[in-house]
Amino acid sequence: MRVRILFDAQDIVGESIVWSSEEGALYWVDIGGKRIHRLELKTGMHQTWPTPDFPTSIGMCKSGGFIVGLARDVCLWRPGGVFEPFARPEPARPENRLNEGRVAPDGSFWVSTMQNNLNADGTPKDMTANAGAIYRIDPSGEIKQLTPNDYGITNTMGWTQDNRFLFADTRANEIYSFAYDPEAKTISGRRTVVSGFTRGLPDGSCLDADDHLWNCRVVGGAAVARFSAEGALRDLVELPVLWPTSCTFGGEDLSTLYVTSARFAMTREHLSTHPLEGSLLAVETGFRGVAEPKFGY
């Protein structure tokens, strides 16, 4: 598969990339850089907006604008506007922060939490506990906790066509499959489908039209692994960055995989010889993705 550097973003932690087919543009966050990116593919026009706290995830809204996970609050936002608090999943857990977030097929927004691993200046902070959980946020604002607070670094959210929910714990180096009940809005019956894969650790992912999971392998993995929903490795895409973090399919036919990356915790010496860490990449895959759902009824 052909891989190219699409944009030299120099993200500290690029994450949560989504494709807007209406705009022909990609949106993603830089957690450590406290900013949201927009890149228009045809013109190359690039914009950024600062955020009042660490932005951890972003999704599109049916009514226009975006739903954005910050460190503690989920907000509604329009480019150039203010971040309006919408929901706070864990008001009684100030030691936690939000991490992964994605709009589900039913128009709700799912977010996951983890023990905060960032100091106020964005530098790494030691973790001492597995304290993360998954939450469903309804467009009405109702918050529902879907799992116990048992996870280390929460990542990856994907809903298959046969109602499975895929999720990962970076710290455990595991990917899980749950049964997803679209009527009850719950997940259950967790099974481990990938464990101990030796290329880096699992970060963000997206599903293709064949229900295969494209999983970014962070912390030196330098690759995106394509797994079946049952955890069988089908493809491994080698990348010119060490820490790929999140991916989405986009472009006119949804056949290009766009991959964010990070330069978090990398030494000045490493970055001087590898200046493209934190870039946005494009991979011509030969596969097709699925359109990203939007938040709202």
Protein backbone atom coordinates (compact mmCIF):
# COMPACT_ATOMS: atom_id res chain seq x y z
CA MET A 1 0.00 0.00 0.00
CA ARG A 2 1.35 3.42 -0.97
CA VAL A 3 2.08 5.66 2.02
CA ARG A 4 2.87 9.38 1.87
CA ILE A 5 3.24 12.27 4.27
CA LEU A 6 0.19 14.43 3.57
CA PHE A 7 0.79 17.27 6.03
CA ASP A 8 3.63 18.15 8.39
CA ALA A 9 1.40 18.87 11.40
CA GLN A 10 4.10 18.48 14.07
CA ASP A 11 1.40 17.31 16.49
CA ILE A 12 2.38 16.51 20.03
CA VAL A 13 -0.45 13.96 20.09
CA GLY A 14 -2.58 13.98 16.94
CA GLU A 15 -5.84 12.08 17.56
CA SER A 16 -9.49 11.43 16.70
CA ILE A 17 -9.41 12.17 12.98
CA VAL A 18 -12.74 12.39 11.10
CA TRP A 19 -13.62 12.98 7.44
CA SER A 20 -16.29 15.50 6.45
CA SER A 21 -17.50 14.50 3.00
CA GLU A 22 -19.62 17.68 2.71
CA GLU A 23 -16.54 19.88 3.19
CA GLY A 24 -13.98 17.58 1.60
CA ALA A 25 -11.93 18.14 4.72
CA LEU A 26 -10.32 16.31 7.61
CA TYR A 27 -10.68 17.41 11.24
CA TRP A 28 -8.53 16.15 14.09
CA VAL A 29 -7.20 17.22 17.48
CA ASP A 30 -3.72 17.71 18.89
CA ILE A 31 -4.10 16.82 22.56
CA GLY A 32 -0.77 18.17 23.78
CA GLY A 33 -0.88 21.16 21.43
CA LYS A 34 -4.38 22.16 22.64
CA ARG A 35 -5.70 22.75 19.13
CA ILE A 36 -8.13 21.45 16.51
CA HIS A 37 -7.03 21.07 12.87
CA ARG A 38 -8.94 21.34 9.62
CA LEU A 39 -7.31 20.36 6.31
CA GLU A 40 -9.16 20.76 3.01
CA LEU A 41 -7.87 18.13 0.61
CA LYS A 42 -8.44 19.78 -2.78
CA THR A 43 -7.04 23.19 -1.89
CA GLY A 44 -4.61 22.23 0.87
CA MET A 45 -6.09 25.01 3.04
CA HIS A 46 -5.18 24.39 6.68
CA GLN A 47 -6.73 26.00 9.75
CA THR A 48 -6.30 25.53 13.49
CA TRP A 49 -8.30 26.67 16.49
CA PRO A 50 -7.03 26.77 20.08
CA THR A 51 -8.88 24.87 22.79
CA PRO A 52 -9.29 25.90 26.45
CA ASP A 53 -8.10 22.51 27.70
CA PHE A 54 -6.58 19.32 26.28
CA PRO A 55 -8.85 18.25 23.39
CA THR A 56 -9.18 14.47 23.40
CA SER A 57 -11.77 13.66 20.73
CA ILE A 58 -14.02 15.19 18.09
CA GLY A 59 -17.14 14.16 16.19
CA MET A 60 -19.50 15.84 13.73
CA CYS A 61 -23.04 16.95 14.63
CA LYS A 62 -26.13 16.54 12.45
CA SER A 63 -27.11 20.14 13.21
CA GLY A 64 -23.69 21.41 12.15
CA GLY A 65 -20.60 22.00 14.21
CA PHE A 66 -18.89 19.43 16.39
CA ILE A 67 -19.00 17.56 19.64
CA VAL A 68 -15.61 17.73 21.35
CA GLY A 69 -14.17 15.90 24.33
CA LEU A 70 -11.89 18.08 26.41
CA ALA A 71 -10.04 16.85 29.51
CA ARG A 72 -13.17 16.61 31.68
CA ASP A 73 -16.10 18.02 29.71
CA VAL A 74 -17.81 17.06 26.48
CA CYS A 75 -18.66 20.30 24.64
CA LEU A 76 -20.53 21.53 21.60
CA TRP A 77 -18.45 23.75 19.33
CA ARG A 78 -18.49 25.54 16.01
CA PRO A 79 -15.21 26.70 14.42
CA GLY A 80 -14.37 30.13 15.74
CA GLY A 81 -16.95 29.88 18.51
CA VAL A 82 -16.91 29.03 22.19
CA PHE A 83 -16.84 25.54 23.67
CA GLU A 84 -20.24 25.02 25.30
CA PRO A 85 -20.20 22.36 28.07
CA PHE A 86 -22.71 19.61 27.31
CA ALA A 87 -21.85 16.68 29.62
CA ARG A 88 -19.31 15.70 32.28
CA PRO A 89 -19.12 11.88 32.53
CA GLU A 90 -17.07 11.65 35.74
CA PRO A 91 -17.69 14.68 37.98
CA ALA A 92 -16.57 12.73 41.07
CA ARG A 93 -13.28 11.49 39.58
CA PRO A 94 -11.02 14.55 39.25
CA GLU A 95 -7.97 12.28 38.89
CA ASN A 96 -9.33 10.99 35.57
CA ARG A 97 -9.59 12.63 32.15
CA LEU A 98 -11.40 11.82 28.92
CA ASN A 99 -9.54 10.03 26.15
CA GLU A 100 -11.17 8.24 23.20
CA GLY A 101 -14.49 9.52 21.87
CA ARG A 102 -16.58 8.69 18.82
CA VAL A 103 -20.08 9.14 17.46
CA ALA A 104 -21.93 5.81 17.48
CA PRO A 105 -24.21 4.58 14.67
CA ASP A 106 -27.32 5.63 16.66
CA GLY A 107 -26.16 9.26 16.88
CA SER A 108 -24.96 9.13 20.48
CA PHE A 109 -21.42 10.07 21.52
CA TRP A 110 -19.35 7.46 23.33
CA VAL A 111 -16.36 8.58 25.38
CA SER A 112 -13.91 6.71 27.54
CA THR A 113 -11.84 7.84 30.49
CA MET A 114 -8.45 7.05 31.99
CA GLN A 115 -6.28 8.14 34.87
CA ASN A 116 -4.80 11.46 33.79
CA ASN A 117 -1.30 10.98 32.36
CA LEU A 118 -0.65 14.65 31.50
CA ASN A 119 0.79 17.42 33.60
CA ALA A 120 -0.66 20.90 33.11
CA ASP A 121 2.09 21.73 30.59
CA GLY A 122 1.38 18.58 28.56
CA THR A 123 4.42 16.62 29.72
CA PRO A 124 3.98 12.95 30.73
CA LYS A 125 2.64 12.15 34.18
CA ASP A 126 3.06 8.71 35.75
CA MET A 127 0.00 6.47 35.90
CA THR A 128 -0.67 4.44 39.04
CA ALA A 129 -4.04 2.80 38.38
CA ASN A 130 -6.37 1.34 35.78
CA ALA A 131 -9.35 3.63 36.38
CA GLY A 132 -10.94 4.16 32.96
CA ALA A 133 -14.48 3.36 31.81
CA ILE A 134 -16.76 3.78 28.76
CA TYR A 135 -19.76 6.13 28.72
CA ARG A 136 -22.63 6.73 26.30
CA ILE A 137 -23.85 10.32 25.97
CA ASP A 138 -27.31 10.61 24.45
CA PRO A 139 -28.20 13.68 22.35
CA SER A 140 -30.59 14.54 25.20
CA GLY A 141 -27.57 14.88 27.50
CA GLU A 142 -28.23 11.68 29.45
CA ILE A 143 -24.99 9.93 30.48
CA LYS A 144 -24.85 6.16 30.90
CA GLN A 145 -21.82 4.26 32.21
CA LEU A 146 -21.29 1.10 30.15
CA THR A 147 -18.34 -0.57 31.91
CA PRO A 148 -16.67 -0.56 35.33
CA ASN A 149 -13.64 1.70 35.88
CA ASP A 150 -11.20 -1.10 35.03
CA TYR A 151 -9.19 0.15 32.04
CA GLY A 152 -5.72 1.67 31.73
CA ILE A 153 -5.38 3.78 28.56
CA THR A 154 -8.70 3.58 26.74
CA ASN A 155 -8.60 3.61 22.94
CA THR A 156 -10.40 2.41 19.78
CA MET A 157 -14.16 2.44 19.27
CA GLY A 158 -15.86 0.58 16.43
CA TRP A 159 -19.33 -0.87 15.88
CA THR A 160 -19.55 -3.75 13.40
CA GLN A 161 -22.49 -4.45 11.12
CA ASP A 162 -23.36 -7.55 13.18
CA ASN A 163 -23.53 -5.57 16.44
CA ARG A 164 -20.16 -6.06 18.00
CA PHE A 165 -18.28 -3.24 19.71
CA LEU A 166 -14.49 -3.21 19.44
CA PHE A 167 -12.37 -1.45 22.07
CA ALA A 168 -8.72 -1.43 23.18
CA ASP A 169 -6.62 -0.89 26.29
CA THR A 170 -3.24 0.47 25.23
CA ARG A 171 -1.68 -0.22 28.61
CA ALA A 172 -2.74 -3.89 28.50
CA ASN A 173 -1.84 -4.32 24.79
CA GLU A 174 -5.26 -5.87 24.18
CA ILE A 175 -8.23 -5.39 21.85
CA TYR A 176 -11.67 -6.52 23.01
CA SER A 177 -14.96 -7.47 21.39
CA PHE A 178 -18.27 -6.88 23.17
CA ALA A 179 -21.80 -7.79 22.18
CA TYR A 180 -23.60 -4.52 21.41
CA ASP A 181 -27.36 -4.28 21.99
CA PRO A 182 -28.64 -1.38 19.84
CA GLU A 183 -32.06 -1.44 21.53
CA ALA A 184 -30.86 -1.44 25.15
CA LYS A 185 -27.83 0.73 24.24
CA THR A 186 -25.52 -1.56 26.23
CA ILE A 187 -22.43 -3.72 25.72
CA SER A 188 -21.71 -7.05 27.38
CA GLY A 189 -19.78 -10.33 27.14
CA ARG A 190 -16.29 -8.93 26.69
CA ARG A 191 -13.85 -11.19 24.84
CA THR A 192 -10.15 -10.52 24.18
CA VAL A 193 -9.52 -10.87 20.43
CA VAL A 194 -5.96 -9.45 20.19
CA SER A 195 -3.40 -9.78 22.97
CA GLY A 196 0.36 -9.29 23.07
CA PHE A 197 0.77 -8.26 19.43
CA THR A 198 4.45 -7.40 19.24
CA ARG A 199 4.36 -4.27 17.06
CA GLY A 200 3.91 -1.40 19.51
CA LEU A 201 0.64 -0.97 21.41
CA PRO A 202 -2.96 -0.42 20.25
CA ASP A 203 -4.17 3.17 19.87
CA GLY A 204 -7.00 4.54 17.72
CA SER A 205 -8.73 2.57 14.98
CA CYS A 206 -11.44 2.62 12.34
CA LEU A 207 -13.47 -0.04 10.58
CA ASP A 208 -13.63 -0.67 6.85
CA ALA A 209 -16.70 -1.78 4.88
CA ASP A 210 -15.72 -5.42 5.48
CA ASP A 211 -15.77 -4.98 9.28
CA HIS A 212 -11.99 -5.20 9.57
CA LEU A 213 -10.31 -3.03 12.18
CA TRP A 214 -7.44 -0.76 11.12
CA ASN A 215 -5.52 -0.29 14.35
CA CYS A 216 -2.71 2.25 14.84
CA ARG A 217 0.23 0.72 16.68
CA VAL A 218 1.65 3.44 18.92
CA VAL A 219 4.78 3.56 21.15
CA GLY A 220 7.23 2.56 18.44
CA GLY A 221 4.92 0.29 16.43
CA ALA A 222 5.34 2.40 13.27
CA ALA A 223 2.47 0.57 11.57
CA VAL A 224 -1.26 0.19 11.14
CA ALA A 225 -2.47 -3.39 11.60
CA ARG A 226 -5.61 -4.62 9.85
CA PHE A 227 -7.37 -7.20 12.00
CA SER A 228 -10.55 -9.16 11.37
CA ALA A 229 -13.27 -8.56 13.95
CA GLU A 230 -12.18 -11.87 15.49
CA GLY A 231 -8.59 -10.64 15.85
CA ALA A 232 -6.82 -12.33 12.95
CA LEU A 233 -4.05 -10.20 11.39
CA ARG A 234 -4.78 -9.61 7.69
CA ASP A 235 -2.41 -6.78 6.73
CA LEU A 236 0.34 -4.65 8.27
CA VAL A 237 1.03 -1.20 6.80
CA GLU A 238 4.55 0.05 7.54
CA LEU A 239 4.73 3.78 8.29
CA PRO A 240 7.54 6.38 8.38
CA VAL A 241 6.49 7.58 11.87
CA LEU A 242 7.01 5.72 15.14
CA TRP A 243 3.77 6.66 16.93
CA PRO A 244 0.68 6.44 14.67
CA THR A 245 -2.32 7.32 16.82
CA SER A 246 -5.66 7.45 14.99
CA CYS A 247 -7.08 6.80 11.53
CA THR A 248 -10.12 7.26 9.34
CA PHE A 249 -11.13 6.52 5.77
CA GLY A 250 -11.80 9.53 3.56
CA GLY A 251 -11.63 10.94 0.08
CA GLU A 252 -14.31 10.75 -2.59
CA ASP A 253 -14.58 6.95 -2.52
CA LEU A 254 -13.51 6.44 1.12
CA SER A 255 -10.50 4.39 0.00
CA THR A 256 -7.71 6.51 1.47
CA LEU A 257 -6.71 5.90 5.08
CA TYR A 258 -5.65 9.07 6.88
CA VAL A 259 -3.42 8.52 9.89
CA THR A 260 -2.44 10.95 12.65
CA SER A 261 0.72 10.55 14.70
CA ALA A 262 2.49 11.86 17.80
CA ARG A 263 5.86 13.16 18.96
CA PHE A 264 4.89 12.85 22.63
CA ALA A 265 7.83 12.10 24.97
CA MET A 266 10.33 11.94 22.08
CA THR A 267 13.81 13.34 22.67
CA ARG A 268 15.13 16.45 20.95
CA GLU A 269 17.85 14.30 19.40
CA HIS A 270 15.33 11.89 17.89
CA LEU A 271 13.20 14.72 16.49
CA SER A 272 16.23 16.40 14.94
CA THR A 273 16.82 13.31 12.81
CA HIS A 274 13.13 12.36 12.42
CA PRO A 275 11.40 15.75 11.96
CA LEU A 276 8.23 14.29 10.44
CA GLU A 277 7.07 12.66 13.68
CA GLY A 278 3.60 14.04 14.44
CA SER A 279 2.66 14.28 10.74
CA LEU A 280 -0.60 13.39 9.02
CA LEU A 281 -0.21 10.47 6.58
CA ALA A 282 -2.26 9.16 3.67
CA VAL A 283 -2.37 5.46 2.73
CA GLU A 284 -3.90 4.23 -0.54
CA THR A 285 -5.37 0.98 0.71
CA GLY A 286 -7.46 -0.67 -2.00
CA PHE A 287 -10.19 -1.04 0.63
CA ARG A 288 -13.17 1.18 1.38
CA GLY A 289 -14.31 2.67 4.64
CA VAL A 290 -17.73 3.65 5.93
CA ALA A 291 -19.14 7.14 6.44
CA GLU A 292 -18.71 8.59 9.93
CA PRO A 293 -22.00 8.91 11.90
CA LYS A 294 -23.08 12.30 13.21
CA PHE A 295 -24.19 13.27 16.70
CA GLY A 296 -27.89 14.00 17.19
CA TYR A 297 -31.34 12.61 16.51
